[in-house]
Protein backbone atom coordinates (compact mmCIF):
# COMPACT_ATOMS: atom_id res chain seq x y z
CA UNK A 1 124.74 -6.85 -214.37
CA UNK A 2 124.10 -10.36 -215.57
CA UNK A 3 120.67 -11.18 -216.94
CA UNK A 4 119.18 -13.89 -219.06
CA UNK A 5 115.82 -15.07 -220.31
CA UNK A 6 114.59 -18.52 -219.43
CA UNK A 7 112.47 -20.74 -221.63
CA UNK A 8 110.07 -22.82 -219.56
CA UNK A 9 109.93 -25.40 -222.34
CA UNK A 10 113.34 -26.55 -221.18
CA UNK A 11 111.96 -28.10 -218.01
CA UNK A 12 111.72 -31.87 -217.75
CA UNK A 13 109.60 -34.26 -215.75
CA UNK A 14 110.19 -37.53 -213.96
CA UNK A 15 108.21 -40.14 -212.10
CA UNK A 16 109.89 -41.02 -208.78
CA UNK A 17 108.62 -43.89 -206.68
CA UNK A 18 109.92 -44.37 -203.16
CA UNK A 19 108.81 -46.77 -200.44
CA UNK A 20 110.24 -44.58 -197.68
CA UNK A 21 113.10 -46.97 -196.97
CA UNK A 22 116.50 -45.38 -197.54
CA UNK A 23 118.10 -48.81 -197.82
CA UNK A 24 115.82 -49.96 -200.61
CA UNK A 25 116.15 -47.58 -203.59
CA UNK A 26 113.73 -47.85 -206.48
CA UNK A 27 114.78 -47.14 -210.00
CA UNK A 28 113.57 -43.95 -211.61
CA UNK A 29 112.48 -43.63 -215.18
CA UNK A 30 113.18 -40.28 -216.83
CA UNK A 31 110.50 -38.90 -219.09
CA UNK A 32 111.49 -38.34 -222.74
CA UNK A 33 113.74 -35.32 -223.10
CA UNK A 34 112.55 -32.41 -225.16
CA UNK A 35 114.33 -31.57 -228.41
CA UNK A 36 114.83 -27.93 -227.64
CA UNK A 37 116.44 -26.22 -230.61
CA UNK A 38 115.25 -22.68 -230.01
CA UNK A 39 117.93 -20.14 -231.05
CA UNK A 40 119.64 -18.41 -228.20
CA UNK A 41 121.86 -15.35 -228.01
CA UNK A 42 125.24 -16.48 -226.77
CA UNK A 43 125.88 -15.37 -223.15
CA UNK A 44 129.56 -14.47 -222.99
CA UNK A 45 131.85 -14.13 -220.04
CA UNK A 46 131.30 -10.69 -218.60
CA UNK A 47 127.86 -10.37 -220.18
CA UNK A 48 125.12 -12.95 -219.66
CA UNK A 49 126.21 -15.90 -217.57
CA UNK A 50 123.29 -17.12 -215.56
CA UNK A 51 120.06 -18.48 -217.04
CA UNK A 52 117.52 -16.79 -214.79
CA UNK A 53 114.72 -14.28 -214.78
CA UNK A 54 116.35 -12.57 -211.82
CA UNK A 55 119.15 -10.04 -212.11
CA UNK A 56 122.48 -11.51 -211.07
CA UNK A 57 124.23 -8.87 -208.99
CA UNK A 58 127.88 -8.39 -209.88
CA UNK A 59 130.36 -9.34 -207.15
CA UNK A 60 134.00 -8.38 -206.79
CA UNK A 61 136.02 -10.73 -209.00
CA UNK A 62 139.28 -10.45 -210.95
CA UNK A 63 138.76 -8.50 -214.15
CA UNK A 64 138.11 -10.48 -217.32
CA UNK A 65 139.58 -9.67 -220.71
CA UNK A 66 137.49 -7.55 -223.01
CA UNK A 67 138.23 -9.87 -225.96
CA UNK A 68 134.98 -11.60 -226.82
CA UNK A 69 133.41 -13.82 -229.42
CA UNK A 70 131.03 -12.01 -231.81
CA UNK A 71 127.79 -11.17 -230.01
CA UNK A 72 124.42 -12.53 -231.07
CA UNK A 73 123.35 -15.72 -232.80
CA UNK A 74 125.39 -17.20 -235.62
CA UNK A 75 123.77 -16.25 -238.93
CA UNK A 76 125.40 -18.94 -241.11
CA UNK A 77 123.02 -21.60 -242.35
CA UNK A 78 124.18 -25.19 -242.39
CA UNK A 79 122.52 -27.61 -244.79
CA UNK A 80 124.16 -30.59 -243.10
CA UNK A 81 123.23 -32.32 -239.87
CA UNK A 82 125.09 -31.32 -236.69
CA UNK A 83 128.36 -33.11 -236.05
CA UNK A 84 128.28 -36.10 -233.70
CA UNK A 85 129.82 -35.54 -230.27
CA UNK A 86 132.28 -37.75 -228.38
CA UNK A 87 132.44 -36.90 -224.68
CA UNK A 88 135.66 -38.16 -223.05
CA UNK A 89 135.56 -38.30 -219.26
CA UNK A 90 137.08 -40.01 -216.24
CA UNK A 91 134.00 -39.27 -214.07
CA UNK A 92 130.64 -40.79 -214.92
CA UNK A 93 127.89 -42.94 -213.43
CA UNK A 94 128.09 -44.81 -211.07
CA UNK A 95 130.53 -42.25 -209.71
CA UNK A 96 128.83 -39.58 -207.61
CA UNK A 97 129.48 -35.89 -207.38
CA UNK A 98 128.95 -32.64 -209.23
CA UNK A 99 131.28 -33.39 -212.14
CA UNK A 100 129.72 -36.80 -212.86
CA UNK A 101 126.28 -35.17 -212.81
CA UNK A 102 127.46 -32.37 -215.10
CA UNK A 103 128.86 -34.84 -217.66
CA UNK A 104 125.72 -36.98 -217.69
CA UNK A 105 123.30 -34.09 -218.03
CA UNK A 106 125.29 -32.22 -220.68
CA UNK A 107 125.63 -35.40 -222.76
CA UNK A 108 121.87 -35.98 -222.53
CA UNK A 109 121.09 -32.39 -223.51
CA UNK A 110 123.50 -32.43 -226.48
CA UNK A 111 122.02 -35.70 -227.72
CA UNK A 112 118.47 -34.33 -227.41
CA UNK A 113 119.45 -31.31 -229.51
CA UNK A 114 120.38 -33.41 -232.51
CA UNK A 115 124.02 -34.31 -231.88
CA UNK A 116 124.47 -38.12 -231.90
CA UNK A 117 126.42 -38.43 -228.67
CA UNK A 118 128.81 -41.05 -227.38
CA UNK A 119 130.40 -40.97 -223.91
CA UNK A 120 133.75 -42.62 -223.22
CA UNK A 121 133.79 -43.40 -219.50
CA UNK A 122 135.55 -45.68 -216.99
CA UNK A 123 134.46 -49.32 -216.90
CA UNK A 124 133.27 -49.10 -213.30
CA UNK A 125 131.15 -52.01 -212.15
CA UNK A 126 127.70 -51.26 -210.79
CA UNK A 127 124.74 -53.54 -210.09
CA UNK A 128 122.40 -50.58 -210.73
CA UNK A 129 123.23 -49.65 -214.32
CA UNK A 130 121.03 -46.94 -215.77
CA UNK A 131 119.68 -46.46 -219.24
CA UNK A 132 120.90 -43.41 -221.13
CA UNK A 133 119.67 -41.95 -224.43
CA UNK A 134 123.25 -41.85 -225.77
CA UNK A 135 125.90 -44.49 -226.43
CA UNK A 136 128.40 -45.36 -223.70
CA UNK A 137 131.84 -46.79 -224.46
CA UNK A 138 133.35 -48.18 -221.28
CA UNK A 139 137.15 -47.86 -221.13
CA UNK A 140 139.14 -50.13 -218.76
CA UNK A 141 140.39 -47.40 -216.42
CA UNK A 142 139.72 -46.63 -212.75
CA UNK A 143 138.60 -43.07 -213.39
CA UNK A 144 141.37 -41.17 -211.61
CA UNK A 145 143.72 -38.49 -212.93
CA UNK A 146 146.71 -40.78 -212.38
CA UNK A 147 149.34 -41.53 -215.00
CA UNK A 148 148.06 -44.97 -215.99
CA UNK A 149 144.47 -43.77 -216.42
CA UNK A 150 145.71 -40.89 -218.57
CA UNK A 151 147.89 -43.27 -220.62
CA UNK A 152 145.10 -45.81 -221.17
CA UNK A 153 142.64 -43.15 -222.31
CA UNK A 154 145.29 -41.66 -224.61
CA UNK A 155 145.82 -45.09 -226.19
CA UNK A 156 142.09 -45.38 -226.83
CA UNK A 157 141.98 -41.93 -228.40
CA UNK A 158 144.97 -42.72 -230.62
CA UNK A 159 143.38 -45.97 -231.76
CA UNK A 160 140.21 -44.13 -232.85
CA UNK A 161 141.87 -40.89 -233.99
CA UNK A 162 140.55 -41.23 -237.56
CA UNK A 163 136.95 -41.54 -236.38
CA UNK A 164 137.39 -38.59 -234.01
CA UNK A 165 138.58 -36.37 -236.85
CA UNK A 166 134.96 -36.14 -238.04
CA UNK A 167 133.44 -35.40 -234.63
CA UNK A 168 133.19 -32.77 -231.94
CA UNK A 169 135.36 -33.99 -229.09
CA UNK A 170 134.19 -32.61 -225.75
CA UNK A 171 136.39 -32.82 -222.65
CA UNK A 172 133.96 -31.83 -219.85
CA UNK A 173 136.27 -32.35 -216.88
CA UNK A 174 139.99 -32.46 -215.97
CA UNK A 175 140.53 -36.24 -216.07
CA UNK A 176 141.70 -36.62 -219.69
CA UNK A 177 142.94 -33.05 -220.19
CA UNK A 178 146.69 -33.45 -219.73
CA UNK A 179 147.12 -36.64 -221.78
CA UNK A 180 145.15 -35.23 -224.69
CA UNK A 181 147.02 -31.93 -224.41
CA UNK A 182 150.30 -33.75 -225.04
CA UNK A 183 148.70 -35.72 -227.89
CA UNK A 184 147.44 -32.50 -229.48
CA UNK A 185 150.87 -30.91 -229.15
CA UNK A 186 152.33 -33.87 -231.10
CA UNK A 187 149.51 -33.65 -233.68
CA UNK A 188 148.27 -37.11 -232.71
CA UNK A 189 144.80 -35.79 -231.84
CA UNK A 190 142.99 -33.53 -234.33
CA UNK A 191 139.18 -33.65 -234.02
CA UNK A 192 136.91 -31.64 -236.29
CA UNK A 193 135.93 -29.49 -233.31
CA UNK A 194 137.36 -29.37 -229.79
CA UNK A 195 135.43 -28.14 -226.76
CA UNK A 196 136.74 -27.91 -223.19
CA UNK A 197 135.06 -27.29 -219.83
CA UNK A 198 136.94 -26.10 -216.73
CA UNK A 199 135.61 -26.36 -213.18
CA UNK A 200 138.23 -24.43 -211.21
CA UNK A 201 140.50 -26.72 -209.21
CA UNK A 202 142.28 -28.16 -212.23
CA UNK A 203 143.21 -24.65 -213.41
CA UNK A 204 144.97 -23.88 -210.13
CA UNK A 205 146.61 -27.29 -209.97
CA UNK A 206 147.94 -27.50 -213.54
CA UNK A 207 149.11 -23.89 -213.51
CA UNK A 208 151.74 -24.81 -210.89
CA UNK A 209 153.28 -27.54 -213.05
CA UNK A 210 155.95 -25.91 -215.24
CA UNK A 211 155.75 -28.40 -218.11
CA UNK A 212 151.99 -28.96 -218.02
CA UNK A 213 150.87 -25.33 -218.19
CA UNK A 214 152.29 -24.41 -221.64
CA UNK A 215 151.11 -27.72 -223.12
CA UNK A 216 147.63 -27.17 -221.72
CA UNK A 217 147.63 -23.61 -223.06
CA UNK A 218 148.36 -25.03 -226.52
CA UNK A 219 145.36 -27.34 -226.17
CA UNK A 220 143.24 -24.33 -225.24
CA UNK A 221 144.59 -22.47 -228.28
CA UNK A 222 143.43 -25.35 -230.49
CA UNK A 223 139.97 -25.44 -228.88
CA UNK A 224 136.93 -24.00 -230.63
CA UNK A 225 135.15 -23.28 -227.35
CA UNK A 226 136.07 -23.11 -223.65
CA UNK A 227 133.29 -23.22 -221.10
CA UNK A 228 133.27 -22.60 -217.35
CA UNK A 229 130.57 -23.10 -214.76
CA UNK A 230 131.06 -19.65 -213.25
CA UNK A 231 132.56 -16.24 -213.86
CA UNK A 232 134.97 -17.01 -211.03
CA UNK A 233 136.38 -20.01 -212.90
CA UNK A 234 136.40 -18.02 -216.13
CA UNK A 235 138.64 -15.46 -214.47
CA UNK A 236 141.04 -18.21 -213.34
CA UNK A 237 141.20 -19.63 -216.86
CA UNK A 238 141.98 -16.26 -218.41
CA UNK A 239 144.63 -15.60 -215.77
CA UNK A 240 146.56 -18.84 -216.21
CA UNK A 241 145.64 -19.86 -219.79
CA UNK A 242 145.71 -16.66 -221.86
CA UNK A 243 144.86 -18.52 -225.08
CA UNK A 244 141.32 -18.88 -223.74
CA UNK A 245 140.58 -15.17 -224.08
CA UNK A 246 137.71 -14.62 -226.46
CA UNK A 247 136.63 -18.28 -226.36
CA UNK A 248 135.01 -18.48 -222.92
CA UNK A 249 131.29 -18.97 -222.34
CA UNK A 250 129.49 -19.71 -219.07
CA UNK A 251 127.57 -23.01 -218.78
CA UNK A 252 126.54 -23.12 -215.12
CA UNK A 253 124.50 -26.32 -215.25
CA UNK A 254 121.26 -27.00 -213.46
CA UNK A 255 119.44 -29.53 -211.30
CA UNK A 256 119.76 -33.14 -212.42
CA UNK A 257 116.97 -34.32 -214.68
CA UNK A 258 114.95 -36.38 -212.20
CA UNK A 259 114.89 -33.45 -209.73
CA UNK A 260 114.04 -30.83 -212.34
CA UNK A 261 110.26 -30.59 -211.87
CA UNK A 262 109.88 -31.60 -208.25
CA UNK A 263 107.63 -29.49 -206.03
CA UNK A 264 109.59 -27.80 -203.23
CA UNK A 265 107.77 -29.45 -200.32
CA UNK A 266 108.95 -30.96 -197.05
CA UNK A 267 107.86 -34.05 -195.14
CA UNK A 268 109.48 -33.74 -191.70
CA UNK A 269 109.08 -36.73 -189.38
CA UNK A 270 109.64 -34.95 -186.06
CA UNK A 271 109.86 -31.54 -184.41
CA UNK A 272 113.62 -31.54 -184.92
CA UNK A 273 115.33 -29.06 -187.26
CA UNK A 274 117.43 -31.18 -189.61
CA UNK A 275 120.59 -29.69 -191.11
CA UNK A 276 122.03 -31.72 -193.99
CA UNK A 277 125.30 -31.67 -195.94
CA UNK A 278 125.56 -33.63 -199.20
CA UNK A 279 129.15 -33.89 -200.43
CA UNK A 280 132.14 -36.21 -200.45
CA UNK A 281 133.96 -36.15 -197.13
CA UNK A 282 136.96 -33.98 -197.91
CA UNK A 283 138.58 -31.01 -196.16
CA UNK A 284 137.52 -28.70 -199.02
CA UNK A 285 133.85 -29.49 -198.42
CA UNK A 286 134.08 -28.21 -194.85
CA UNK A 287 131.85 -30.57 -192.88
CA UNK A 288 134.18 -30.09 -189.93
CA UNK A 289 133.39 -26.36 -189.90
CA UNK A 290 129.66 -27.10 -189.56
CA UNK A 291 130.34 -29.28 -186.53
CA UNK A 292 132.54 -26.56 -185.01
CA UNK A 293 129.84 -23.93 -185.57
CA UNK A 294 127.09 -26.09 -184.09
CA UNK A 295 129.15 -26.59 -180.93
CA UNK A 296 129.09 -22.81 -180.40
CA UNK A 297 125.29 -22.74 -180.15
CA UNK A 298 123.51 -22.73 -176.77
CA UNK A 299 122.02 -25.95 -175.44
CA UNK A 300 118.42 -24.76 -175.69
CA UNK A 301 118.92 -24.28 -179.44
CA UNK A 302 120.85 -27.51 -180.06
CA UNK A 303 118.32 -29.71 -178.30
CA UNK A 304 116.04 -29.36 -181.35
CA UNK A 305 118.76 -29.93 -183.98
CA UNK A 306 119.99 -32.96 -185.92
CA UNK A 307 122.92 -32.89 -188.35
CA UNK A 308 122.95 -35.39 -191.23
CA UNK A 309 126.18 -35.96 -193.16
CA UNK A 310 125.74 -37.57 -196.60
CA UNK A 311 128.80 -38.87 -198.44
CA UNK A 312 131.95 -40.90 -197.93
CA UNK A 313 135.66 -40.24 -197.96
CA UNK A 314 137.64 -41.41 -200.98
CA UNK A 315 141.05 -41.25 -199.33
CA UNK A 316 142.82 -39.79 -196.32
CA UNK A 317 141.72 -39.58 -192.69
CA UNK A 318 139.17 -36.78 -192.94
CA UNK A 319 136.19 -39.06 -192.25
CA UNK A 320 137.90 -40.36 -189.13
CA UNK A 321 138.46 -36.78 -187.95
CA UNK A 322 134.80 -35.98 -188.57
CA UNK A 323 133.63 -39.00 -186.61
CA UNK A 324 135.85 -38.11 -183.66
CA UNK A 325 134.48 -34.57 -183.70
CA UNK A 326 130.89 -35.81 -184.01
CA UNK A 327 131.35 -38.10 -181.01
CA UNK A 328 131.71 -34.98 -178.84
CA UNK A 329 129.00 -32.93 -180.55
CA UNK A 330 126.22 -31.50 -178.41
CA UNK A 331 123.53 -32.40 -180.94
CA UNK A 332 122.61 -35.60 -182.77
CA UNK A 333 124.93 -36.30 -185.72
CA UNK A 334 124.23 -39.09 -188.22
CA UNK A 335 126.56 -40.35 -190.97
CA UNK A 336 124.43 -41.77 -193.78
CA UNK A 337 127.28 -42.62 -196.16
CA UNK A 338 126.68 -42.52 -199.88
CA UNK A 339 123.02 -42.26 -200.83
CA UNK A 340 121.65 -43.29 -204.21
CA UNK A 341 120.56 -40.36 -206.35
CA UNK A 342 116.93 -41.44 -206.09
CA UNK A 343 116.95 -41.60 -202.30
CA UNK A 344 118.45 -38.14 -202.08
CA UNK A 345 114.93 -36.89 -202.73
CA UNK A 346 113.83 -38.35 -199.41
CA UNK A 347 116.83 -36.85 -197.63
CA UNK A 348 116.19 -33.38 -199.03
CA UNK A 349 112.47 -33.53 -198.22
CA UNK A 350 113.12 -34.44 -194.59
CA UNK A 351 115.73 -31.73 -194.09
CA UNK A 352 115.15 -28.10 -193.10
CA UNK A 353 118.53 -26.45 -193.81
CA UNK A 354 121.30 -27.24 -196.30
CA UNK A 355 124.82 -26.46 -195.09
CA UNK A 356 127.82 -26.80 -197.41
CA UNK A 357 130.79 -24.80 -196.16
CA UNK A 358 133.33 -25.29 -198.94
CA UNK A 359 136.73 -23.66 -198.45
CA UNK A 360 139.88 -23.13 -200.48
CA UNK A 361 142.12 -26.12 -199.73
CA UNK A 362 145.60 -26.10 -201.26
CA UNK A 363 144.91 -25.82 -205.02
CA UNK A 364 141.31 -27.02 -204.67
CA UNK A 365 138.48 -24.48 -204.98
CA UNK A 366 134.69 -24.53 -205.25
CA UNK A 367 134.16 -23.30 -208.79
CA UNK A 368 130.35 -23.36 -208.59
CA UNK A 369 128.52 -26.12 -206.70
CA UNK A 370 125.61 -28.03 -208.24
CA UNK A 371 124.68 -29.30 -204.78
CA UNK A 372 123.57 -25.79 -203.78
CA UNK A 373 121.12 -25.76 -206.71
CA UNK A 374 119.79 -29.20 -205.80
CA UNK A 375 119.09 -28.12 -202.23
CA UNK A 376 117.34 -24.98 -203.46
CA UNK A 377 115.22 -27.09 -205.81
CA UNK A 378 113.73 -28.78 -202.75
CA UNK A 379 113.02 -25.49 -201.04
CA UNK A 380 115.91 -25.64 -198.57
CA UNK A 381 117.63 -22.45 -197.41
CA UNK A 382 121.39 -22.68 -197.93
CA UNK A 383 124.22 -21.79 -195.54
CA UNK A 384 127.80 -21.59 -196.78
CA UNK A 385 131.01 -19.63 -197.07
CA UNK A 386 131.33 -16.86 -199.65
CA UNK A 387 134.25 -18.41 -201.49
CA UNK A 388 135.13 -19.23 -205.10
CA UNK A 389 132.05 -19.38 -207.32
CA UNK A 390 129.57 -20.17 -204.52
CA UNK A 391 127.95 -16.74 -204.73
CA UNK A 392 126.99 -17.57 -208.33
CA UNK A 393 125.02 -20.61 -207.13
CA UNK A 394 123.62 -19.04 -203.94
CA UNK A 395 122.08 -15.56 -203.83
CA UNK A 396 123.16 -14.24 -200.46
CA UNK A 397 120.20 -12.97 -198.45
CA UNK A 398 117.73 -14.24 -201.02
CA UNK A 399 118.21 -18.02 -201.40
CA UNK A 400 120.61 -18.52 -198.52
CA UNK A 401 123.09 -16.99 -196.11
CA UNK A 402 126.77 -16.73 -197.03
CA UNK A 403 129.44 -15.71 -194.50
CA UNK A 404 133.18 -15.04 -194.83
CA UNK A 405 135.35 -18.10 -195.39
CA UNK A 406 136.33 -19.98 -192.20
CA UNK A 407 134.50 -17.46 -189.98
CA UNK A 408 133.08 -20.02 -187.54
CA UNK A 409 131.27 -17.53 -185.23
CA UNK A 410 129.54 -15.97 -188.26
CA UNK A 411 128.62 -19.44 -189.50
CA UNK A 412 127.20 -20.30 -186.08
CA UNK A 413 125.14 -17.09 -186.10
CA UNK A 414 123.73 -17.87 -189.57
CA UNK A 415 122.79 -21.40 -188.53
CA UNK A 416 121.17 -20.21 -185.29
CA UNK A 417 119.19 -17.58 -187.18
CA UNK A 418 117.70 -20.21 -189.50
CA UNK A 419 117.14 -22.76 -186.72
CA UNK A 420 115.10 -20.23 -184.75
CA UNK A 421 113.20 -18.63 -187.66
CA UNK A 422 110.95 -21.04 -189.59
CA UNK A 423 109.43 -18.17 -191.60
CA UNK A 424 112.88 -17.11 -192.84
CA UNK A 425 113.67 -20.71 -193.79
CA UNK A 426 110.49 -20.83 -195.82
CA UNK A 427 111.15 -17.45 -197.46
CA UNK A 428 114.69 -18.36 -198.55
CA UNK A 429 113.62 -21.82 -199.63
CA UNK A 430 110.79 -20.56 -201.85
CA UNK A 431 113.10 -17.99 -203.46
CA UNK A 432 115.66 -20.74 -204.03
CA UNK A 433 113.13 -22.91 -205.85
CA UNK A 434 112.31 -20.00 -208.17
CA UNK A 435 116.02 -19.31 -208.72
CA UNK A 436 116.73 -22.92 -209.74
CA UNK A 437 113.81 -22.91 -212.18
CA UNK A 438 115.78 -20.42 -214.26
CA UNK A 439 118.59 -22.92 -214.93
CA UNK A 440 118.40 -25.69 -217.53
CA UNK A 441 120.74 -28.19 -219.15
CA UNK A 442 119.37 -27.63 -222.69
CA UNK A 443 120.19 -23.96 -222.33
CA UNK A 444 123.78 -24.68 -221.23
CA UNK A 445 124.17 -27.21 -224.06
CA UNK A 446 123.03 -24.65 -226.66
CA UNK A 447 125.47 -22.12 -225.27
CA UNK A 448 128.28 -24.68 -225.38
CA UNK A 449 128.03 -25.42 -229.11
CA UNK A 450 126.44 -22.24 -230.42
CA UNK A 451 128.03 -21.58 -233.82
CA UNK A 452 130.34 -24.62 -233.81
CA UNK A 453 127.82 -27.44 -234.28
CA UNK A 454 129.01 -28.16 -237.82
CA UNK A 455 132.31 -28.86 -239.51
CA UNK A 456 134.47 -25.72 -239.87
CA UNK A 457 134.31 -23.77 -243.14
CA UNK A 458 131.35 -25.85 -244.27
CA UNK A 459 133.53 -28.98 -244.59
CA UNK A 460 131.61 -32.21 -244.96
CA UNK A 461 132.41 -35.04 -242.55
CA UNK A 462 134.00 -37.94 -244.36
CA UNK A 463 132.08 -41.16 -244.77
């Protein structure tokens, strides 16, 4: 069983202002973040992995090694200030998606807990730049995992290698992993502390590359801490990167800061039941399966249904396939494109059901899914496939309904059940809001650096 205590002091507030027009977003201003330094027992893989009052029921997953870090809080006292943190990422604002959100929120939480934090991120132009409490160094890369982006980031790291030797270097996503793994193997990259986060897909992908896997395993061996967003991903890491055994902790993330303290209320504009999917348009996200399931429902049910698709395609022809399928749908289907983070509040409040039917696609997997938590924060019942780490973000039968992967008739039955039963929608939505309240970014940040916040062996950072 997986249990954890939640500290309500970790919650944060915001002040949203919307004029009701989805095409005219207003800026949000986050309230000051709390400096939450309360000691926390380290939740280790296979023990405590989810910050919640509720008991997390164990599900069938590959077994995880019994090698663990020492249990309990670190007793050593450090007279020095915590080490500064450099977060190196290829995904950051204005990019959208779960990884970009994870990087932003973890950097904010680390900074609030006393670690002077700097984020190295792609120099992506945006007319809507936000203010962050930490320093941002924009690197002239596009933000992909391609060779030239890897090379350019590696050059930047090499140029500042002396400065990084006195810092915690945190790689929160797969973008810079491979380049820095090769640098570490050649002893060109030796930070004071090294922390890695894996999300799932990159583990499967890199494990199939014969030269990349041993180099990445050496990087993991050099790391002080390896974090994963779910037990599912932790099992993948231990399977393919054995050097991670004994270093893994679970940092599942939470709802983004300006959604954190929102009341779970709805403001529907019509009698229609609105089903919404918020995700990039990609085969792994499964929007096509929702359309297929809706087309199995009887006309008298579909006449009261609208399906909203939020997101855009980055590459490929998946969006074109979706639009062709939607043109023959028997209910109203609307493509809203990319929606600013602030206007997502309006979308969630006007929806009745959240459907995200992620599937395994080639090497790509759903390691957790922050979008499920966001939907639950607004009191929406969730429908999805029981695949990857989804069951660690959605409590089947309590906060949503999960069905076997790619089982379209079962998906159709789950959707019809929620369309017809407003009381069940409300029950699952209210439970989801309580479930999300047990997750917090400060808690995940404390878990991430518990016991490694200072230079090893009491060493003093150089001036």
